[in-house]
């Protein structure tokens, strides 16, 4: 058991629940902020907020996919040569989706 868990007086599951609860509260606040922007007629600001979230989530996803590819390859050059194009295509598609977001609004 880590010192942090002992200090907080909880198990690792309790810490994970608190962390998960905190993340849910942050997400709910963000959704409420977005709804308030839309309801007040500030669509440009709402679109910018959604684009920022899309960009942040997309960058996280690209990093996660790259990390998973490294884990799968485990130094195997042949496997890495097969995974690299997949990761590159995912990154390019994600970038294109972010760039094109909001064009049809």
N, C-alpha and C. Protein backbone atom coordinates (compact mmCIF):
# COMPACT_ATOMS: atom_id res chain seq x y z
N UNK A 1 0.85 -1.18 0.00
CA UNK A 1 0.00 0.00 0.00
C UNK A 1 0.90 1.24 0.00
N UNK A 2 0.57 2.17 -0.85
CA UNK A 2 1.40 3.37 -0.96
C UNK A 2 1.17 4.30 0.22
N UNK A 3 2.13 5.20 0.42
CA UNK A 3 2.02 6.17 1.51
C UNK A 3 0.82 7.08 1.32
N UNK A 4 0.54 7.44 0.07
CA UNK A 4 -0.60 8.30 -0.22
C UNK A 4 -1.91 7.63 0.19
N UNK A 5 -2.04 6.36 -0.15
CA UNK A 5 -3.27 5.64 0.20
C UNK A 5 -3.39 5.53 1.72
N UNK A 6 -2.27 5.19 2.39
CA UNK A 6 -2.31 5.10 3.85
C UNK A 6 -2.65 6.45 4.46
N UNK A 7 -2.07 7.52 3.92
CA UNK A 7 -2.32 8.86 4.44
C UNK A 7 -3.79 9.24 4.30
N UNK A 8 -4.37 8.92 3.14
CA UNK A 8 -5.77 9.26 2.91
C UNK A 8 -6.71 8.30 3.61
N UNK A 9 -6.16 7.20 4.11
CA UNK A 9 -6.98 6.26 4.85
C UNK A 9 -7.91 5.45 3.97
N UNK A 10 -7.50 5.16 2.76
CA UNK A 10 -8.37 4.40 1.88
C UNK A 10 -7.60 3.38 1.07
N UNK A 11 -8.35 2.52 0.44
CA UNK A 11 -7.75 1.54 -0.44
C UNK A 11 -7.53 2.16 -1.81
N UNK A 12 -6.86 1.44 -2.67
CA UNK A 12 -6.63 1.96 -4.02
C UNK A 12 -7.95 2.11 -4.77
N UNK A 13 -8.93 1.26 -4.47
CA UNK A 13 -10.24 1.39 -5.11
C UNK A 13 -10.94 2.65 -4.66
N UNK A 14 -10.81 2.98 -3.39
CA UNK A 14 -11.43 4.21 -2.87
C UNK A 14 -10.81 5.43 -3.53
N UNK A 15 -9.50 5.40 -3.70
CA UNK A 15 -8.82 6.51 -4.36
C UNK A 15 -9.28 6.61 -5.81
N UNK A 16 -9.41 5.48 -6.48
CA UNK A 16 -9.87 5.47 -7.88
C UNK A 16 -11.29 6.01 -7.97
N UNK A 17 -12.14 5.64 -7.01
CA UNK A 17 -13.53 6.14 -7.02
C UNK A 17 -13.56 7.65 -6.84
N UNK A 18 -12.73 8.16 -5.91
CA UNK A 18 -12.68 9.61 -5.70
C UNK A 18 -12.19 10.30 -6.97
N UNK A 19 -11.18 9.73 -7.58
CA UNK A 19 -10.64 10.31 -8.81
C UNK A 19 -11.69 10.27 -9.92
N UNK A 20 -12.39 9.17 -10.02
CA UNK A 20 -13.42 9.03 -11.05
C UNK A 20 -14.56 10.01 -10.80
N UNK A 21 -14.95 10.16 -9.54
CA UNK A 21 -16.00 11.09 -9.18
C UNK A 21 -15.60 12.53 -9.52
N UNK A 22 -14.36 12.86 -9.23
CA UNK A 22 -13.86 14.21 -9.54
C UNK A 22 -13.87 14.45 -11.04
N UNK A 23 -13.47 13.45 -11.82
CA UNK A 23 -13.48 13.58 -13.28
C UNK A 23 -14.91 13.76 -13.79
N UNK A 24 -15.86 13.02 -13.23
CA UNK A 24 -17.25 13.15 -13.64
C UNK A 24 -17.77 14.55 -13.35
N UNK A 25 -17.41 15.09 -12.19
CA UNK A 25 -17.84 16.44 -11.84
C UNK A 25 -17.26 17.47 -12.80
N UNK A 26 -16.01 17.31 -13.17
CA UNK A 26 -15.38 18.23 -14.13
C UNK A 26 -16.08 18.14 -15.48
N UNK A 27 -16.38 16.92 -15.92
CA UNK A 27 -17.07 16.75 -17.20
C UNK A 27 -18.46 17.36 -17.17
N UNK A 28 -19.17 17.16 -16.06
CA UNK A 28 -20.52 17.73 -15.94
C UNK A 28 -20.47 19.25 -15.96
N UNK A 29 -19.49 19.84 -15.28
CA UNK A 29 -19.34 21.30 -15.30
C UNK A 29 -19.06 21.80 -16.70
N UNK A 30 -18.20 21.07 -17.43
CA UNK A 30 -17.89 21.45 -18.80
C UNK A 30 -19.10 21.37 -19.70
N UNK A 31 -19.91 20.33 -19.52
CA UNK A 31 -21.13 20.19 -20.32
C UNK A 31 -22.12 21.30 -19.98
N UNK A 32 -22.20 21.65 -18.71
CA UNK A 32 -23.09 22.74 -18.30
C UNK A 32 -22.62 24.07 -18.90
N UNK A 33 -21.31 24.31 -18.86
CA UNK A 33 -20.76 25.54 -19.47
C UNK A 33 -21.09 25.60 -20.95
N UNK A 34 -20.94 24.47 -21.63
CA UNK A 34 -21.23 24.41 -23.07
C UNK A 34 -22.70 24.68 -23.33
N UNK A 35 -23.58 24.06 -22.55
CA UNK A 35 -25.02 24.28 -22.71
C UNK A 35 -25.38 25.74 -22.48
N UNK A 36 -24.77 26.36 -21.49
CA UNK A 36 -25.05 27.77 -21.21
C UNK A 36 -24.60 28.66 -22.37
N UNK A 37 -23.45 28.34 -22.97
CA UNK A 37 -22.99 29.12 -24.11
C UNK A 37 -23.96 29.00 -25.29
N UNK A 38 -24.41 27.79 -25.54
CA UNK A 38 -25.34 27.56 -26.66
C UNK A 38 -26.66 28.27 -26.40
N UNK A 39 -27.17 28.12 -25.18
CA UNK A 39 -28.46 28.74 -24.84
C UNK A 39 -28.41 30.26 -24.87
N UNK A 40 -27.26 30.83 -24.61
CA UNK A 40 -27.15 32.29 -24.60
C UNK A 40 -26.85 32.85 -25.98
N UNK A 41 -26.82 31.97 -26.99
CA UNK A 41 -26.59 32.44 -28.35
C UNK A 41 -25.14 32.66 -28.70
N UNK A 42 -24.25 32.13 -27.91
CA UNK A 42 -22.81 32.33 -28.16
C UNK A 42 -22.24 31.07 -28.83
N UNK A 43 -22.75 30.79 -30.03
CA UNK A 43 -22.36 29.58 -30.74
C UNK A 43 -20.89 29.56 -31.13
N UNK A 44 -20.33 30.71 -31.45
CA UNK A 44 -18.91 30.76 -31.84
C UNK A 44 -18.04 30.31 -30.67
N UNK A 45 -18.36 30.79 -29.48
CA UNK A 45 -17.60 30.39 -28.30
C UNK A 45 -17.82 28.91 -28.00
N UNK A 46 -19.06 28.44 -28.17
CA UNK A 46 -19.36 27.03 -27.93
C UNK A 46 -18.58 26.15 -28.92
N UNK A 47 -18.55 26.56 -30.18
CA UNK A 47 -17.81 25.81 -31.20
C UNK A 47 -16.33 25.78 -30.85
N UNK A 48 -15.79 26.89 -30.38
CA UNK A 48 -14.37 26.93 -29.98
C UNK A 48 -14.11 26.00 -28.81
N UNK A 49 -15.04 25.95 -27.86
CA UNK A 49 -14.88 25.07 -26.71
C UNK A 49 -14.88 23.60 -27.15
N UNK A 50 -15.81 23.26 -28.04
CA UNK A 50 -15.88 21.88 -28.53
C UNK A 50 -14.63 21.54 -29.34
N UNK A 51 -14.16 22.48 -30.16
CA UNK A 51 -12.94 22.24 -30.95
C UNK A 51 -11.74 22.01 -30.02
N UNK A 52 -11.65 22.78 -28.95
CA UNK A 52 -10.55 22.61 -27.99
C UNK A 52 -10.61 21.22 -27.36
N UNK A 53 -11.81 20.81 -26.96
CA UNK A 53 -11.96 19.47 -26.37
C UNK A 53 -11.62 18.39 -27.38
N UNK A 54 -12.10 18.56 -28.60
CA UNK A 54 -11.82 17.60 -29.66
C UNK A 54 -10.31 17.50 -29.90
N UNK A 55 -9.63 18.63 -29.90
CA UNK A 55 -8.18 18.64 -30.10
C UNK A 55 -7.47 17.94 -28.96
N UNK A 56 -7.83 18.27 -27.73
CA UNK A 56 -7.18 17.65 -26.57
C UNK A 56 -7.42 16.15 -26.55
N UNK A 57 -8.67 15.74 -26.78
CA UNK A 57 -8.99 14.31 -26.79
C UNK A 57 -8.29 13.60 -27.94
N UNK A 58 -8.24 14.24 -29.10
CA UNK A 58 -7.57 13.65 -30.25
C UNK A 58 -6.09 13.45 -30.02
N UNK A 59 -5.45 14.44 -29.42
CA UNK A 59 -4.01 14.33 -29.14
C UNK A 59 -3.75 13.21 -28.13
N UNK A 60 -4.61 13.10 -27.15
CA UNK A 60 -4.48 12.01 -26.17
C UNK A 60 -4.65 10.66 -26.85
N UNK A 61 -5.65 10.56 -27.73
CA UNK A 61 -5.89 9.31 -28.44
C UNK A 61 -4.70 8.93 -29.32
N UNK A 62 -4.14 9.89 -30.02
CA UNK A 62 -2.98 9.62 -30.88
C UNK A 62 -1.81 9.13 -30.03
N UNK A 63 -1.57 9.78 -28.91
CA UNK A 63 -0.49 9.35 -28.02
C UNK A 63 -0.74 7.95 -27.49
N UNK A 64 -1.99 7.65 -27.13
CA UNK A 64 -2.33 6.31 -26.63
C UNK A 64 -2.13 5.24 -27.70
N UNK A 65 -2.55 5.53 -28.92
CA UNK A 65 -2.39 4.56 -30.01
C UNK A 65 -0.90 4.33 -30.27
N UNK A 66 -0.10 5.38 -30.27
CA UNK A 66 1.34 5.23 -30.45
C UNK A 66 1.97 4.39 -29.35
N UNK A 67 1.54 4.64 -28.12
CA UNK A 67 2.06 3.86 -26.99
C UNK A 67 1.68 2.40 -27.10
N UNK A 68 0.44 2.12 -27.48
CA UNK A 68 -0.01 0.72 -27.64
C UNK A 68 0.79 0.03 -28.75
N UNK A 69 1.06 0.75 -29.82
CA UNK A 69 1.84 0.17 -30.91
C UNK A 69 3.25 -0.19 -30.42
N UNK A 70 3.86 0.70 -29.64
CA UNK A 70 5.19 0.41 -29.08
C UNK A 70 5.13 -0.82 -28.18
N UNK A 71 4.07 -0.90 -27.36
CA UNK A 71 3.93 -2.05 -26.47
C UNK A 71 3.75 -3.34 -27.26
N UNK A 72 2.97 -3.29 -28.32
CA UNK A 72 2.74 -4.48 -29.13
C UNK A 72 4.00 -4.92 -29.87
N UNK A 73 4.74 -3.96 -30.40
CA UNK A 73 5.94 -4.29 -31.18
C UNK A 73 7.05 -4.85 -30.29
N UNK A 74 7.20 -4.32 -29.11
CA UNK A 74 8.23 -4.77 -28.15
C UNK A 74 9.59 -4.98 -28.81
N UNK A 75 9.98 -4.04 -29.64
CA UNK A 75 11.30 -4.12 -30.26
C UNK A 75 11.36 -4.96 -31.52
N UNK A 76 10.28 -5.60 -31.90
CA UNK A 76 10.23 -6.41 -33.12
C UNK A 76 10.10 -5.47 -34.32
N UNK A 77 11.15 -5.36 -35.12
CA UNK A 77 11.18 -4.42 -36.24
C UNK A 77 10.12 -4.74 -37.29
N UNK A 78 9.88 -6.02 -37.55
CA UNK A 78 8.88 -6.39 -38.55
C UNK A 78 7.49 -5.96 -38.10
N UNK A 79 7.16 -6.26 -36.86
CA UNK A 79 5.86 -5.87 -36.32
C UNK A 79 5.73 -4.35 -36.28
N UNK A 80 6.79 -3.69 -35.91
CA UNK A 80 6.77 -2.22 -35.88
C UNK A 80 6.53 -1.66 -37.27
N UNK A 81 7.12 -2.29 -38.29
CA UNK A 81 6.92 -1.80 -39.67
C UNK A 81 5.48 -1.97 -40.12
N UNK A 82 4.75 -2.91 -39.53
CA UNK A 82 3.34 -3.08 -39.85
C UNK A 82 2.46 -2.10 -39.07
N UNK A 83 2.87 -1.78 -37.85
CA UNK A 83 2.06 -0.92 -36.99
C UNK A 83 2.24 0.57 -37.29
N UNK A 84 3.42 0.96 -37.72
CA UNK A 84 3.71 2.38 -37.96
C UNK A 84 2.73 3.02 -38.95
N UNK A 85 2.44 2.38 -40.09
CA UNK A 85 1.47 3.00 -41.01
C UNK A 85 0.07 3.16 -40.41
N UNK A 86 -0.30 2.23 -39.54
CA UNK A 86 -1.62 2.32 -38.89
C UNK A 86 -1.66 3.53 -37.97
N UNK A 87 -0.61 3.69 -37.19
CA UNK A 87 -0.53 4.83 -36.26
C UNK A 87 -0.49 6.14 -37.05
N UNK A 88 0.27 6.18 -38.14
CA UNK A 88 0.34 7.39 -38.95
C UNK A 88 -1.02 7.74 -39.56
N UNK A 89 -1.71 6.73 -40.06
CA UNK A 89 -3.03 6.97 -40.65
C UNK A 89 -4.01 7.48 -39.59
N UNK A 90 -3.95 6.91 -38.40
CA UNK A 90 -4.82 7.36 -37.31
C UNK A 90 -4.52 8.82 -36.97
N UNK A 91 -3.24 9.16 -36.87
CA UNK A 91 -2.86 10.54 -36.54
C UNK A 91 -3.31 11.51 -37.63
N UNK A 92 -3.15 11.13 -38.89
CA UNK A 92 -3.56 12.00 -40.00
C UNK A 92 -5.08 12.17 -40.03
N UNK A 93 -5.81 11.08 -39.81
CA UNK A 93 -7.27 11.15 -39.81
C UNK A 93 -7.76 12.02 -38.66
N UNK A 94 -7.14 11.86 -37.50
CA UNK A 94 -7.52 12.67 -36.34
C UNK A 94 -7.26 14.15 -36.61
N UNK A 95 -6.10 14.46 -37.18
CA UNK A 95 -5.78 15.86 -37.50
C UNK A 95 -6.76 16.42 -38.52
N UNK A 96 -7.13 15.63 -39.52
CA UNK A 96 -8.08 16.09 -40.54
C UNK A 96 -9.45 16.34 -39.91
N UNK A 97 -9.88 15.43 -39.02
CA UNK A 97 -11.17 15.61 -38.35
C UNK A 97 -11.20 16.90 -37.53
N UNK A 98 -10.10 17.18 -36.85
CA UNK A 98 -10.02 18.41 -36.04
C UNK A 98 -10.05 19.64 -36.94
N UNK A 99 -9.28 19.58 -38.03
CA UNK A 99 -9.22 20.70 -38.97
C UNK A 99 -10.59 20.99 -39.60
N UNK A 100 -11.31 19.93 -39.94
CA UNK A 100 -12.58 20.10 -40.65
C UNK A 100 -13.77 20.32 -39.72
N UNK A 101 -13.54 20.23 -38.42
CA UNK A 101 -14.65 20.39 -37.48
C UNK A 101 -15.26 21.78 -37.61
N UNK A 102 -16.57 21.83 -37.70
CA UNK A 102 -17.28 23.10 -37.71
C UNK A 102 -17.46 23.73 -39.06
N UNK A 103 -16.96 23.11 -40.11
CA UNK A 103 -17.10 23.71 -41.45
C UNK A 103 -18.54 23.69 -41.95
N UNK A 104 -19.33 22.73 -41.50
CA UNK A 104 -20.70 22.60 -41.98
C UNK A 104 -21.71 23.33 -41.11
N UNK A 105 -21.23 24.07 -40.12
CA UNK A 105 -22.16 24.77 -39.21
C UNK A 105 -22.49 26.13 -39.75
